[in-house]
Amino acid sequence: MFAVVEVAGKQYRVSPGDRIAVERLDAAPGSEISLDSVLLTSTDDGVTVGTPVIDGASVRAQVVREEKDTKVLVLKYKRKNRYRHLSGHRQKHTVLEIDSINV
């Protein structure tokens, strides 16, 4: 059994027991959240595809922790002008553990 959910504009294929890292959500570690935008579910009975979402379907998830991704360096450089600008960015993620899929 698996489902495809949309979180913060991105789609994830999840099963019960999976851990996924999504873009930062405003939820405290240890709390439960419900992901309501389920796009597809697959069970033993068959596959259900939403148009665009499945009405009444949801995925229950537990917030495990918040973490930062690896640093991405951005270098701006213009030759012959002595211009160099180096900046970095670390994206924040929320790690979710999938508890159940409710169809």
N, C-alpha and C. Protein backbone atom coordinates (compact mmCIF):
# COMPACT_ATOMS: atom_id res chain seq x y z
N MET A 1 0.85 -1.18 0.00
CA MET A 1 0.00 0.00 0.00
C MET A 1 0.89 1.24 0.00
N PHE A 2 0.60 2.16 -0.92
CA PHE A 2 1.34 3.41 -0.97
C PHE A 2 0.42 4.51 -1.46
N ALA A 3 0.89 5.74 -1.30
CA ALA A 3 0.14 6.91 -1.74
C ALA A 3 1.12 7.94 -2.28
N VAL A 4 0.62 8.80 -3.12
CA VAL A 4 1.39 9.93 -3.61
C VAL A 4 0.74 11.18 -3.03
N VAL A 5 1.50 11.94 -2.24
CA VAL A 5 0.98 13.14 -1.60
C VAL A 5 1.74 14.36 -2.09
N GLU A 6 1.09 15.50 -2.00
CA GLU A 6 1.72 16.76 -2.36
C GLU A 6 1.93 17.58 -1.09
N VAL A 7 3.19 17.96 -0.86
CA VAL A 7 3.56 18.77 0.31
C VAL A 7 4.42 19.91 -0.20
N ALA A 8 3.97 21.14 0.03
CA ALA A 8 4.72 22.35 -0.34
C ALA A 8 5.08 22.36 -1.83
N GLY A 9 4.14 21.93 -2.68
CA GLY A 9 4.35 21.98 -4.11
C GLY A 9 5.16 20.85 -4.69
N LYS A 10 5.57 19.87 -3.88
CA LYS A 10 6.34 18.73 -4.37
C LYS A 10 5.59 17.45 -4.06
N GLN A 11 5.79 16.43 -4.90
CA GLN A 11 5.09 15.17 -4.74
C GLN A 11 6.01 14.11 -4.17
N TYR A 12 5.47 13.30 -3.24
CA TYR A 12 6.25 12.26 -2.58
C TYR A 12 5.45 10.96 -2.60
N ARG A 13 6.14 9.85 -2.87
CA ARG A 13 5.53 8.53 -2.80
C ARG A 13 5.83 7.98 -1.42
N VAL A 14 4.77 7.68 -0.64
CA VAL A 14 4.96 7.28 0.75
C VAL A 14 4.22 5.98 1.04
N SER A 15 4.75 5.24 2.00
CA SER A 15 4.14 4.03 2.54
C SER A 15 4.19 4.14 4.05
N PRO A 16 3.35 3.40 4.77
CA PRO A 16 3.44 3.44 6.24
C PRO A 16 4.82 2.99 6.71
N GLY A 17 5.41 3.78 7.62
CA GLY A 17 6.74 3.48 8.15
C GLY A 17 7.86 4.24 7.45
N ASP A 18 7.57 4.89 6.33
CA ASP A 18 8.60 5.65 5.61
C ASP A 18 8.94 6.93 6.34
N ARG A 19 10.16 7.41 6.12
CA ARG A 19 10.58 8.73 6.60
C ARG A 19 10.93 9.57 5.38
N ILE A 20 10.35 10.77 5.31
CA ILE A 20 10.64 11.66 4.20
C ILE A 20 11.06 13.02 4.75
N ALA A 21 11.90 13.71 4.00
CA ALA A 21 12.33 15.05 4.36
C ALA A 21 11.66 16.02 3.40
N VAL A 22 10.76 16.86 3.94
CA VAL A 22 10.04 17.84 3.12
C VAL A 22 10.53 19.23 3.49
N GLU A 23 10.17 20.22 2.68
CA GLU A 23 10.54 21.58 3.01
C GLU A 23 9.92 21.95 4.36
N ARG A 24 10.54 22.88 5.04
CA ARG A 24 10.17 23.19 6.42
C ARG A 24 8.69 23.48 6.59
N LEU A 25 8.07 22.75 7.53
CA LEU A 25 6.68 22.97 7.90
C LEU A 25 6.64 23.62 9.27
N ASP A 26 5.58 24.34 9.53
CA ASP A 26 5.44 25.02 10.81
C ASP A 26 4.77 24.07 11.80
N ALA A 27 5.51 23.04 12.24
CA ALA A 27 5.00 22.07 13.19
C ALA A 27 6.12 21.68 14.14
N ALA A 28 5.78 21.48 15.40
CA ALA A 28 6.78 21.16 16.41
C ALA A 28 7.14 19.67 16.34
N PRO A 29 8.40 19.33 16.63
CA PRO A 29 8.78 17.92 16.67
C PRO A 29 7.96 17.15 17.70
N GLY A 30 7.51 15.97 17.31
CA GLY A 30 6.68 15.16 18.18
C GLY A 30 5.19 15.30 17.91
N SER A 31 4.78 16.30 17.14
CA SER A 31 3.36 16.50 16.86
C SER A 31 2.93 15.67 15.66
N GLU A 32 1.62 15.45 15.56
CA GLU A 32 1.06 14.72 14.42
C GLU A 32 0.43 15.71 13.46
N ILE A 33 0.60 15.44 12.16
CA ILE A 33 -0.04 16.28 11.15
C ILE A 33 -0.77 15.37 10.17
N SER A 34 -1.70 15.97 9.45
CA SER A 34 -2.47 15.25 8.46
C SER A 34 -2.21 15.88 7.10
N LEU A 35 -1.79 15.07 6.14
CA LEU A 35 -1.56 15.53 4.78
C LEU A 35 -2.81 15.19 3.96
N ASP A 36 -3.56 16.22 3.56
CA ASP A 36 -4.86 16.00 2.93
C ASP A 36 -4.82 15.98 1.40
N SER A 37 -3.76 16.46 0.80
CA SER A 37 -3.71 16.49 -0.67
C SER A 37 -3.09 15.18 -1.18
N VAL A 38 -3.92 14.13 -1.20
CA VAL A 38 -3.50 12.81 -1.68
C VAL A 38 -3.87 12.72 -3.15
N LEU A 39 -2.87 12.51 -4.01
CA LEU A 39 -3.10 12.50 -5.45
C LEU A 39 -3.38 11.11 -5.99
N LEU A 40 -2.86 10.06 -5.34
CA LEU A 40 -3.01 8.70 -5.82
C LEU A 40 -2.86 7.74 -4.65
N THR A 41 -3.64 6.67 -4.65
CA THR A 41 -3.47 5.61 -3.66
C THR A 41 -3.45 4.27 -4.37
N SER A 42 -2.68 3.35 -3.83
CA SER A 42 -2.62 2.00 -4.38
C SER A 42 -2.80 1.03 -3.23
N THR A 43 -3.83 0.20 -3.33
CA THR A 43 -4.10 -0.82 -2.32
C THR A 43 -4.17 -2.18 -3.03
N ASP A 44 -4.57 -3.22 -2.27
CA ASP A 44 -4.73 -4.55 -2.87
C ASP A 44 -5.90 -4.57 -3.85
N ASP A 45 -6.87 -3.67 -3.65
CA ASP A 45 -8.04 -3.63 -4.54
C ASP A 45 -7.73 -2.98 -5.88
N GLY A 46 -6.74 -2.11 -5.91
CA GLY A 46 -6.38 -1.44 -7.16
C GLY A 46 -5.85 -0.05 -6.91
N VAL A 47 -5.74 0.72 -7.98
CA VAL A 47 -5.18 2.07 -7.93
C VAL A 47 -6.32 3.07 -8.06
N THR A 48 -6.29 4.11 -7.22
CA THR A 48 -7.25 5.20 -7.29
C THR A 48 -6.50 6.48 -7.59
N VAL A 49 -6.92 7.15 -8.65
CA VAL A 49 -6.28 8.38 -9.07
C VAL A 49 -7.25 9.53 -8.85
N GLY A 50 -6.78 10.60 -8.22
CA GLY A 50 -7.63 11.75 -7.94
C GLY A 50 -7.67 12.72 -9.11
N THR A 51 -8.67 13.60 -9.06
CA THR A 51 -8.81 14.62 -10.10
C THR A 51 -8.98 15.99 -9.48
N PRO A 52 -8.02 16.70 -9.02
CA PRO A 52 -6.62 16.35 -8.85
C PRO A 52 -6.33 15.62 -7.54
N VAL A 53 -7.22 15.73 -6.53
CA VAL A 53 -6.99 15.02 -5.27
C VAL A 53 -8.13 14.05 -5.02
N ILE A 54 -7.89 13.08 -4.14
CA ILE A 54 -8.90 12.11 -3.77
C ILE A 54 -9.67 12.66 -2.58
N ASP A 55 -10.98 12.79 -2.71
CA ASP A 55 -11.82 13.31 -1.64
C ASP A 55 -11.87 12.33 -0.48
N GLY A 56 -11.65 12.83 0.73
CA GLY A 56 -11.73 12.00 1.92
C GLY A 56 -10.48 11.22 2.26
N ALA A 57 -9.48 11.25 1.40
CA ALA A 57 -8.23 10.52 1.67
C ALA A 57 -7.26 11.44 2.41
N SER A 58 -6.49 10.84 3.32
CA SER A 58 -5.49 11.61 4.05
C SER A 58 -4.36 10.68 4.48
N VAL A 59 -3.25 11.29 4.81
CA VAL A 59 -2.08 10.56 5.30
C VAL A 59 -1.70 11.15 6.64
N ARG A 60 -1.62 10.32 7.68
CA ARG A 60 -1.23 10.76 9.01
C ARG A 60 0.28 10.60 9.14
N ALA A 61 0.94 11.65 9.64
CA ALA A 61 2.40 11.63 9.78
C ALA A 61 2.80 12.23 11.11
N GLN A 62 3.93 11.78 11.61
CA GLN A 62 4.52 12.26 12.86
C GLN A 62 5.74 13.10 12.51
N VAL A 63 5.87 14.28 13.12
CA VAL A 63 7.04 15.12 12.89
C VAL A 63 8.18 14.60 13.76
N VAL A 64 9.28 14.18 13.12
CA VAL A 64 10.41 13.59 13.85
C VAL A 64 11.36 14.69 14.31
N ARG A 65 11.85 15.51 13.36
CA ARG A 65 12.81 16.55 13.71
C ARG A 65 12.90 17.54 12.56
N GLU A 66 13.61 18.63 12.83
CA GLU A 66 13.95 19.60 11.79
C GLU A 66 15.45 19.53 11.58
N GLU A 67 15.89 19.67 10.33
CA GLU A 67 17.31 19.60 10.03
C GLU A 67 17.63 20.53 8.88
N LYS A 68 18.93 20.74 8.67
CA LYS A 68 19.39 21.56 7.55
C LYS A 68 20.08 20.67 6.53
N ASP A 69 19.91 21.04 5.27
CA ASP A 69 20.53 20.32 4.18
C ASP A 69 22.00 20.75 4.05
N THR A 70 22.73 20.15 3.16
CA THR A 70 24.12 20.54 2.94
C THR A 70 24.17 21.93 2.32
N LYS A 71 25.28 22.61 2.51
CA LYS A 71 25.41 23.98 2.04
C LYS A 71 25.60 24.01 0.52
N VAL A 72 24.89 24.93 -0.10
CA VAL A 72 25.03 25.17 -1.53
C VAL A 72 25.73 26.51 -1.68
N LEU A 73 26.86 26.51 -2.38
CA LEU A 73 27.63 27.74 -2.57
C LEU A 73 27.27 28.36 -3.92
N VAL A 74 27.11 29.68 -3.92
CA VAL A 74 26.80 30.43 -5.13
C VAL A 74 27.90 31.46 -5.31
N LEU A 75 28.58 31.40 -6.46
CA LEU A 75 29.67 32.32 -6.76
C LEU A 75 29.27 33.18 -7.95
N LYS A 76 29.30 34.51 -7.76
CA LYS A 76 29.10 35.45 -8.85
C LYS A 76 30.47 36.03 -9.18
N TYR A 77 30.81 36.03 -10.44
CA TYR A 77 32.16 36.43 -10.84
C TYR A 77 32.08 37.17 -12.17
N LYS A 78 32.76 38.31 -12.26
CA LYS A 78 32.87 39.05 -13.51
C LYS A 78 34.35 39.27 -13.78
N ARG A 79 34.81 38.75 -14.87
CA ARG A 79 36.23 38.87 -15.19
C ARG A 79 36.57 40.30 -15.57
N LYS A 80 37.78 40.65 -15.37
CA LYS A 80 38.35 41.96 -15.70
C LYS A 80 37.80 43.10 -14.85
N ASN A 81 36.92 42.82 -13.92
CA ASN A 81 36.36 43.88 -13.08
C ASN A 81 36.66 43.70 -11.60
N ARG A 82 37.41 42.69 -11.26
CA ARG A 82 37.73 42.38 -9.86
C ARG A 82 36.47 42.20 -9.01
N TYR A 83 35.46 41.58 -9.60
CA TYR A 83 34.20 41.38 -8.88
C TYR A 83 34.02 39.90 -8.60
N ARG A 84 33.96 39.56 -7.33
CA ARG A 84 33.65 38.20 -6.89
C ARG A 84 32.72 38.30 -5.70
N HIS A 85 31.67 37.51 -5.69
CA HIS A 85 30.76 37.50 -4.55
C HIS A 85 30.39 36.04 -4.27
N LEU A 86 30.71 35.55 -3.08
CA LEU A 86 30.44 34.18 -2.69
C LEU A 86 29.39 34.19 -1.58
N SER A 87 28.34 33.44 -1.78
CA SER A 87 27.32 33.32 -0.74
C SER A 87 26.89 31.86 -0.64
N GLY A 88 26.36 31.50 0.49
CA GLY A 88 25.93 30.13 0.73
C GLY A 88 24.50 30.08 1.24
N HIS A 89 23.90 28.89 1.13
CA HIS A 89 22.52 28.71 1.57
C HIS A 89 22.35 27.28 2.06
N ARG A 90 21.67 27.13 3.21
CA ARG A 90 21.32 25.82 3.73
C ARG A 90 19.82 25.75 3.88
N GLN A 91 19.18 24.87 3.12
CA GLN A 91 17.73 24.73 3.14
C GLN A 91 17.31 23.97 4.39
N LYS A 92 16.26 24.42 5.06
CA LYS A 92 15.73 23.74 6.24
C LYS A 92 14.69 22.72 5.80
N HIS A 93 14.74 21.54 6.45
CA HIS A 93 13.81 20.45 6.15
C HIS A 93 13.11 20.00 7.43
N THR A 94 11.94 19.43 7.26
CA THR A 94 11.22 18.77 8.34
C THR A 94 11.15 17.29 7.98
N VAL A 95 11.57 16.43 8.89
CA VAL A 95 11.54 14.99 8.66
C VAL A 95 10.23 14.45 9.21
N LEU A 96 9.47 13.76 8.35
CA LEU A 96 8.18 13.18 8.71
C LEU A 96 8.27 11.66 8.67
N GLU A 97 7.61 11.01 9.63
CA GLU A 97 7.46 9.55 9.60
C GLU A 97 5.99 9.27 9.35
N ILE A 98 5.71 8.48 8.32
CA ILE A 98 4.34 8.20 7.89
C ILE A 98 3.76 7.11 8.80
N ASP A 99 2.62 7.42 9.42
CA ASP A 99 1.96 6.47 10.31
C ASP A 99 0.95 5.61 9.56
N SER A 100 0.01 6.26 8.88
CA SER A 100 -1.05 5.50 8.21
C SER A 100 -1.56 6.26 7.00
N ILE A 101 -2.20 5.48 6.11
CA ILE A 101 -2.85 6.06 4.93
C ILE A 101 -4.34 5.74 5.04
N ASN A 102 -5.16 6.78 5.08
CA ASN A 102 -6.61 6.60 5.22
C ASN A 102 -7.27 6.90 3.89
N VAL A 103 -7.95 5.90 3.35
CA VAL A 103 -8.62 6.07 2.05
C VAL A 103 -10.10 6.27 2.28
